[in-house]
Amino acid sequence: MEKQYKEYSYFDEDPKKGIGFILALVALLLFTMMGVGLDFDEYLQHESLNIPLGYFYLIFSIDILMIAGIVLIYFYRKIGIVLFPLMLVLHFFMHNYYLSTFLYSDVTNLFLFTGFGMLAIIPKWKFFR
C-alpha cells in the first residue's frame, strides 16, 4: 500500500486578512502615532528646547515612512516589513542621539512588531509580494 504524503503546514492557507492581523497592525499604528505626537509636541516647543528646524524635516519624514511601512504590510508588500522596523530603529536612535531622550513608545513598538510578526505576519508570508 502506497502512502501519499501531503505537505503539512502549521499556518493557515487563507490570504484573507484576519482579525489578529488587523489588530496587530492597529497596535503598531497606535504606538507609531504616539511617537508622531511626541515629535509634533517637540516641534511646538522647538524654540524653548533649542531644537533646530532641520531636525524636524528629517524626523517627520521618518514618521511618514513608518506609517507607509504599516500600510505596505497591510497590502502584503515585503518592502513594508523591511521599511517599518528600519525606520523605527532610526527614529529611536535619532531621538536618543540628537535629543538624548529614550522613547519607550519606540521600544514597545519594536517589541510589538517582533511579537506580532511571529504571530500575525509570518503566517501570511507566502502571500506577500
N, C-alpha and C. Protein backbone atom coordinates (compact mmCIF):
# COMPACT_ATOMS: atom_id res chain seq x y z
N MET A 1 0.85 -1.18 0.00
CA MET A 1 0.00 0.00 0.00
C MET A 1 0.89 1.24 0.00
N GLU A 2 0.62 2.12 -0.89
CA GLU A 2 1.43 3.32 -1.07
C GLU A 2 0.84 4.48 -0.26
N LYS A 3 1.68 5.13 0.51
CA LYS A 3 1.21 6.28 1.29
C LYS A 3 1.46 7.55 0.51
N GLN A 4 0.49 8.39 0.54
CA GLN A 4 0.66 9.70 -0.10
C GLN A 4 0.93 10.73 0.99
N TYR A 5 2.03 11.42 0.83
CA TYR A 5 2.39 12.44 1.80
C TYR A 5 2.00 13.80 1.26
N LYS A 6 1.33 14.54 2.09
CA LYS A 6 0.97 15.90 1.73
C LYS A 6 1.85 16.85 2.53
N GLU A 7 2.05 17.98 1.95
CA GLU A 7 2.80 19.00 2.67
C GLU A 7 1.95 19.48 3.83
N TYR A 8 2.53 19.42 5.01
CA TYR A 8 1.79 19.84 6.20
C TYR A 8 2.25 21.23 6.59
N SER A 9 1.30 22.12 6.77
CA SER A 9 1.62 23.49 7.12
C SER A 9 0.97 23.84 8.46
N TYR A 10 1.73 24.47 9.31
CA TYR A 10 1.19 24.90 10.59
C TYR A 10 0.36 26.18 10.46
N PHE A 11 0.52 26.87 9.35
CA PHE A 11 -0.14 28.14 9.15
C PHE A 11 -1.36 27.95 8.28
N ASP A 12 -2.30 28.87 8.44
CA ASP A 12 -3.50 28.78 7.61
C ASP A 12 -3.15 29.18 6.18
N GLU A 13 -3.90 28.70 5.25
CA GLU A 13 -3.63 28.91 3.84
C GLU A 13 -4.42 30.09 3.28
N ASP A 14 -5.16 30.76 4.11
CA ASP A 14 -6.10 31.77 3.67
C ASP A 14 -5.42 33.13 3.52
N PRO A 15 -5.47 33.74 2.33
CA PRO A 15 -4.86 35.07 2.17
C PRO A 15 -5.72 36.19 2.75
N LYS A 16 -6.89 35.85 3.25
CA LYS A 16 -7.77 36.85 3.84
C LYS A 16 -7.15 37.42 5.11
N LYS A 17 -7.30 38.70 5.30
CA LYS A 17 -6.75 39.35 6.48
C LYS A 17 -7.69 39.10 7.67
N GLY A 18 -7.18 38.37 8.64
CA GLY A 18 -7.98 38.03 9.81
C GLY A 18 -7.96 39.13 10.84
N ILE A 19 -8.74 38.93 11.89
CA ILE A 19 -8.85 39.94 12.95
C ILE A 19 -7.52 40.10 13.70
N GLY A 20 -6.75 39.02 13.85
CA GLY A 20 -5.45 39.11 14.51
C GLY A 20 -4.46 39.96 13.72
N PHE A 21 -4.47 39.79 12.41
CA PHE A 21 -3.59 40.57 11.54
C PHE A 21 -3.95 42.05 11.61
N ILE A 22 -5.23 42.34 11.55
CA ILE A 22 -5.70 43.74 11.60
C ILE A 22 -5.39 44.35 12.96
N LEU A 23 -5.64 43.62 14.04
CA LEU A 23 -5.36 44.16 15.38
C LEU A 23 -3.86 44.39 15.59
N ALA A 24 -3.04 43.52 15.03
CA ALA A 24 -1.59 43.71 15.14
C ALA A 24 -1.17 45.01 14.46
N LEU A 25 -1.70 45.26 13.27
CA LEU A 25 -1.35 46.49 12.56
C LEU A 25 -1.92 47.72 13.25
N VAL A 26 -3.10 47.60 13.85
CA VAL A 26 -3.67 48.73 14.59
C VAL A 26 -2.81 49.06 15.81
N ALA A 27 -2.32 48.03 16.50
CA ALA A 27 -1.44 48.26 17.65
C ALA A 27 -0.14 48.94 17.22
N LEU A 28 0.42 48.49 16.10
CA LEU A 28 1.64 49.13 15.59
C LEU A 28 1.37 50.58 15.20
N LEU A 29 0.23 50.81 14.58
CA LEU A 29 -0.12 52.17 14.19
C LEU A 29 -0.36 53.06 15.41
N LEU A 30 -0.96 52.51 16.46
CA LEU A 30 -1.22 53.28 17.68
C LEU A 30 0.09 53.77 18.30
N PHE A 31 1.06 52.86 18.45
CA PHE A 31 2.33 53.28 19.05
C PHE A 31 3.14 54.16 18.11
N THR A 32 2.97 53.97 16.81
CA THR A 32 3.63 54.87 15.86
C THR A 32 3.05 56.27 15.98
N MET A 33 1.74 56.36 16.12
CA MET A 33 1.10 57.68 16.27
C MET A 33 1.48 58.34 17.60
N MET A 34 1.77 57.54 18.60
CA MET A 34 2.27 58.12 19.85
C MET A 34 3.62 58.79 19.62
N GLY A 35 4.47 58.16 18.84
CA GLY A 35 5.76 58.76 18.51
C GLY A 35 5.61 60.01 17.66
N VAL A 36 4.66 59.98 16.72
CA VAL A 36 4.40 61.17 15.89
C VAL A 36 3.88 62.31 16.77
N GLY A 37 3.02 61.98 17.71
CA GLY A 37 2.51 63.00 18.63
C GLY A 37 3.61 63.62 19.46
N LEU A 38 4.54 62.81 19.89
CA LEU A 38 5.69 63.33 20.64
C LEU A 38 6.55 64.24 19.78
N ASP A 39 6.76 63.83 18.52
CA ASP A 39 7.54 64.67 17.61
C ASP A 39 6.84 66.00 17.35
N PHE A 40 5.52 65.96 17.20
CA PHE A 40 4.76 67.19 16.98
C PHE A 40 4.81 68.09 18.21
N ASP A 41 4.76 67.49 19.39
CA ASP A 41 4.86 68.26 20.63
C ASP A 41 6.23 68.92 20.74
N GLU A 42 7.28 68.20 20.36
CA GLU A 42 8.62 68.79 20.36
C GLU A 42 8.73 69.91 19.34
N TYR A 43 8.06 69.73 18.21
CA TYR A 43 8.07 70.79 17.19
C TYR A 43 7.42 72.07 17.72
N LEU A 44 6.33 71.93 18.45
CA LEU A 44 5.66 73.10 19.01
C LEU A 44 6.52 73.81 20.04
N GLN A 45 7.43 73.09 20.68
CA GLN A 45 8.29 73.68 21.71
C GLN A 45 9.74 73.82 21.26
N HIS A 46 9.98 73.78 19.95
CA HIS A 46 11.36 73.74 19.48
C HIS A 46 12.17 74.98 19.83
N GLU A 47 11.53 76.12 19.96
CA GLU A 47 12.28 77.34 20.30
C GLU A 47 12.76 77.30 21.75
N SER A 48 11.90 76.86 22.65
CA SER A 48 12.31 76.82 24.06
C SER A 48 13.26 75.65 24.34
N LEU A 49 13.19 74.60 23.52
CA LEU A 49 14.08 73.45 23.70
C LEU A 49 15.37 73.57 22.88
N ASN A 50 15.47 74.61 22.06
CA ASN A 50 16.63 74.85 21.19
C ASN A 50 16.89 73.68 20.22
N ILE A 51 15.83 73.24 19.57
CA ILE A 51 15.95 72.18 18.57
C ILE A 51 15.89 72.85 17.20
N PRO A 52 16.87 72.62 16.34
CA PRO A 52 16.85 73.25 15.01
C PRO A 52 15.71 72.69 14.15
N LEU A 53 15.21 73.54 13.25
CA LEU A 53 14.08 73.14 12.41
C LEU A 53 14.46 72.02 11.43
N GLY A 54 15.70 71.94 11.03
CA GLY A 54 16.13 70.89 10.11
C GLY A 54 15.92 69.49 10.67
N TYR A 55 16.01 69.36 11.98
CA TYR A 55 15.78 68.06 12.63
C TYR A 55 14.36 67.57 12.35
N PHE A 56 13.42 68.48 12.34
CA PHE A 56 12.02 68.07 12.19
C PHE A 56 11.68 67.64 10.77
N TYR A 57 12.36 68.20 9.78
CA TYR A 57 12.16 67.70 8.42
C TYR A 57 12.54 66.23 8.34
N LEU A 58 13.63 65.89 8.97
CA LEU A 58 14.11 64.51 8.94
C LEU A 58 13.22 63.59 9.78
N ILE A 59 12.87 64.00 10.98
CA ILE A 59 12.11 63.12 11.86
C ILE A 59 10.68 62.92 11.37
N PHE A 60 10.07 63.96 10.78
CA PHE A 60 8.72 63.79 10.23
C PHE A 60 8.75 62.94 8.96
N SER A 61 9.83 62.99 8.21
CA SER A 61 9.98 62.10 7.05
C SER A 61 10.07 60.64 7.50
N ILE A 62 10.78 60.41 8.57
CA ILE A 62 10.88 59.06 9.13
C ILE A 62 9.51 58.60 9.63
N ASP A 63 8.76 59.50 10.28
CA ASP A 63 7.41 59.16 10.74
C ASP A 63 6.51 58.76 9.58
N ILE A 64 6.58 59.50 8.49
CA ILE A 64 5.76 59.19 7.31
C ILE A 64 6.15 57.84 6.73
N LEU A 65 7.45 57.56 6.68
CA LEU A 65 7.90 56.26 6.16
C LEU A 65 7.50 55.10 7.07
N MET A 66 7.43 55.33 8.38
CA MET A 66 6.96 54.30 9.29
C MET A 66 5.49 53.97 9.03
N ILE A 67 4.69 55.01 8.86
CA ILE A 67 3.27 54.79 8.57
C ILE A 67 3.10 54.12 7.21
N ALA A 68 3.92 54.53 6.23
CA ALA A 68 3.87 53.89 4.92
C ALA A 68 4.25 52.41 5.02
N GLY A 69 5.18 52.08 5.89
CA GLY A 69 5.55 50.68 6.10
C GLY A 69 4.39 49.86 6.63
N ILE A 70 3.62 50.42 7.55
CA ILE A 70 2.44 49.71 8.08
C ILE A 70 1.40 49.51 6.98
N VAL A 71 1.20 50.55 6.17
CA VAL A 71 0.24 50.44 5.06
C VAL A 71 0.70 49.38 4.06
N LEU A 72 1.99 49.34 3.77
CA LEU A 72 2.52 48.34 2.85
C LEU A 72 2.39 46.93 3.41
N ILE A 73 2.56 46.77 4.71
CA ILE A 73 2.35 45.46 5.32
C ILE A 73 0.89 45.05 5.17
N TYR A 74 -0.02 45.99 5.33
CA TYR A 74 -1.44 45.69 5.18
C TYR A 74 -1.74 45.18 3.76
N PHE A 75 -1.08 45.73 2.77
CA PHE A 75 -1.30 45.31 1.39
C PHE A 75 -0.35 44.19 0.95
N TYR A 76 0.24 43.48 1.93
CA TYR A 76 1.09 42.32 1.68
C TYR A 76 2.30 42.65 0.79
N ARG A 77 3.01 43.69 1.13
CA ARG A 77 4.24 44.04 0.41
C ARG A 77 5.43 43.78 1.33
N LYS A 78 6.41 43.04 0.82
CA LYS A 78 7.59 42.69 1.63
C LYS A 78 8.42 43.91 1.99
N ILE A 79 8.40 44.91 1.15
CA ILE A 79 9.18 46.12 1.44
C ILE A 79 8.70 46.79 2.73
N GLY A 80 7.42 46.66 3.05
CA GLY A 80 6.89 47.23 4.28
C GLY A 80 7.45 46.55 5.52
N ILE A 81 7.70 45.25 5.41
CA ILE A 81 8.25 44.51 6.55
C ILE A 81 9.70 44.91 6.80
N VAL A 82 10.39 45.36 5.79
CA VAL A 82 11.77 45.84 5.95
C VAL A 82 11.77 47.32 6.33
N LEU A 83 10.90 48.10 5.68
CA LEU A 83 10.88 49.54 5.89
C LEU A 83 10.47 49.93 7.31
N PHE A 84 9.42 49.30 7.83
CA PHE A 84 8.91 49.71 9.14
C PHE A 84 9.94 49.55 10.26
N PRO A 85 10.55 48.37 10.46
CA PRO A 85 11.50 48.29 11.58
C PRO A 85 12.76 49.13 11.38
N LEU A 86 13.20 49.28 10.13
CA LEU A 86 14.37 50.13 9.90
C LEU A 86 14.09 51.59 10.29
N MET A 87 12.94 52.09 9.89
CA MET A 87 12.58 53.47 10.23
C MET A 87 12.31 53.61 11.73
N LEU A 88 11.77 52.58 12.33
CA LEU A 88 11.51 52.62 13.77
C LEU A 88 12.81 52.69 14.56
N VAL A 89 13.79 51.89 14.18
CA VAL A 89 15.08 51.93 14.86
C VAL A 89 15.79 53.26 14.60
N LEU A 90 15.69 53.75 13.37
CA LEU A 90 16.29 55.05 13.05
C LEU A 90 15.63 56.16 13.86
N HIS A 91 14.31 56.11 14.01
CA HIS A 91 13.57 57.09 14.82
C HIS A 91 14.06 57.05 16.27
N PHE A 92 14.20 55.86 16.80
CA PHE A 92 14.67 55.71 18.18
C PHE A 92 16.06 56.29 18.36
N PHE A 93 16.98 55.93 17.44
CA PHE A 93 18.35 56.41 17.57
C PHE A 93 18.47 57.91 17.34
N MET A 94 17.64 58.46 16.48
CA MET A 94 17.69 59.92 16.27
C MET A 94 17.27 60.66 17.54
N HIS A 95 16.22 60.17 18.19
CA HIS A 95 15.82 60.80 19.46
C HIS A 95 16.90 60.62 20.51
N ASN A 96 17.48 59.46 20.55
CA ASN A 96 18.49 59.18 21.56
C ASN A 96 19.77 60.00 21.31
N TYR A 97 20.17 60.15 20.06
CA TYR A 97 21.42 60.85 19.75
C TYR A 97 21.26 62.37 19.80
N TYR A 98 20.23 62.88 19.12
CA TYR A 98 20.09 64.34 19.00
C TYR A 98 19.44 64.99 20.20
N LEU A 99 18.48 64.33 20.83
CA LEU A 99 17.76 64.95 21.93
C LEU A 99 18.03 64.28 23.27
N SER A 100 18.81 63.21 23.28
CA SER A 100 19.10 62.45 24.50
C SER A 100 17.84 62.00 25.21
N THR A 101 16.87 61.55 24.43
CA THR A 101 15.62 61.03 25.00
C THR A 101 15.49 59.56 24.64
N PHE A 102 15.06 58.77 25.59
CA PHE A 102 14.82 57.34 25.39
C PHE A 102 13.32 57.16 25.22
N LEU A 103 12.90 56.81 24.02
CA LEU A 103 11.47 56.70 23.74
C LEU A 103 10.97 55.29 24.02
N TYR A 104 10.19 55.17 25.07
CA TYR A 104 9.61 53.88 25.40
C TYR A 104 8.55 53.47 24.38
N SER A 105 7.93 54.43 23.73
CA SER A 105 6.95 54.09 22.70
C SER A 105 7.62 53.38 21.52
N ASP A 106 8.83 53.80 21.17
CA ASP A 106 9.56 53.13 20.08
C ASP A 106 10.01 51.72 20.49
N VAL A 107 10.48 51.58 21.72
CA VAL A 107 10.91 50.27 22.19
C VAL A 107 9.72 49.32 22.26
N THR A 108 8.60 49.80 22.78
CA THR A 108 7.39 48.98 22.84
C THR A 108 6.92 48.62 21.44
N ASN A 109 6.98 49.57 20.53
CA ASN A 109 6.57 49.32 19.15
C ASN A 109 7.46 48.26 18.50
N LEU A 110 8.74 48.28 18.79
CA LEU A 110 9.64 47.27 18.24
C LEU A 110 9.33 45.88 18.81
N PHE A 111 9.04 45.82 20.11
CA PHE A 111 8.64 44.53 20.70
C PHE A 111 7.31 44.05 20.13
N LEU A 112 6.38 44.97 19.92
CA LEU A 112 5.10 44.59 19.31
C LEU A 112 5.31 44.07 17.90
N PHE A 113 6.16 44.73 17.14
CA PHE A 113 6.42 44.28 15.78
C PHE A 113 7.04 42.88 15.79
N THR A 114 7.98 42.66 16.68
CA THR A 114 8.62 41.35 16.77
C THR A 114 7.61 40.28 17.20
N GLY A 115 6.84 40.57 18.23
CA GLY A 115 5.86 39.60 18.73
C GLY A 115 4.74 39.36 17.76
N PHE A 116 4.15 40.41 17.23
CA PHE A 116 3.06 40.25 16.28
C PHE A 116 3.56 39.71 14.95
N GLY A 117 4.80 40.01 14.63
CA GLY A 117 5.36 39.44 13.42
C GLY A 117 5.40 37.92 13.48
N MET A 118 5.72 37.41 14.65
CA MET A 118 5.73 35.96 14.81
C MET A 118 4.33 35.37 14.76
N LEU A 119 3.36 36.09 15.28
CA LEU A 119 2.01 35.54 15.38
C LEU A 119 1.10 35.90 14.22
N ALA A 120 1.27 37.07 13.62
CA ALA A 120 0.31 37.52 12.62
C ALA A 120 0.91 37.70 11.23
N ILE A 121 2.15 38.14 11.15
CA ILE A 121 2.71 38.47 9.83
C ILE A 121 3.39 37.27 9.19
N ILE A 122 4.20 36.54 9.94
CA ILE A 122 4.93 35.41 9.36
C ILE A 122 4.01 34.33 8.79
N PRO A 123 2.88 34.00 9.43
CA PRO A 123 2.00 33.01 8.80
C PRO A 123 1.45 33.44 7.44
N LYS A 124 1.41 34.73 7.17
CA LYS A 124 0.90 35.23 5.89
C LYS A 124 2.03 35.50 4.89
N TRP A 125 3.27 35.10 5.21
CA TRP A 125 4.44 35.46 4.43
C TRP A 125 4.31 35.05 2.96
N LYS A 126 3.73 33.90 2.69
CA LYS A 126 3.68 33.42 1.29
C LYS A 126 2.75 34.25 0.43
N PHE A 127 1.93 35.10 1.04
CA PHE A 127 1.04 35.97 0.28
C PHE A 127 1.66 37.33 -0.01
N PHE A 128 2.81 37.60 0.61
CA PHE A 128 3.49 38.89 0.40
C PHE A 128 4.20 38.88 -0.95
N ARG A 129 4.16 40.04 -1.61
CA ARG A 129 4.84 40.19 -2.91
C ARG A 129 5.97 41.19 -2.77
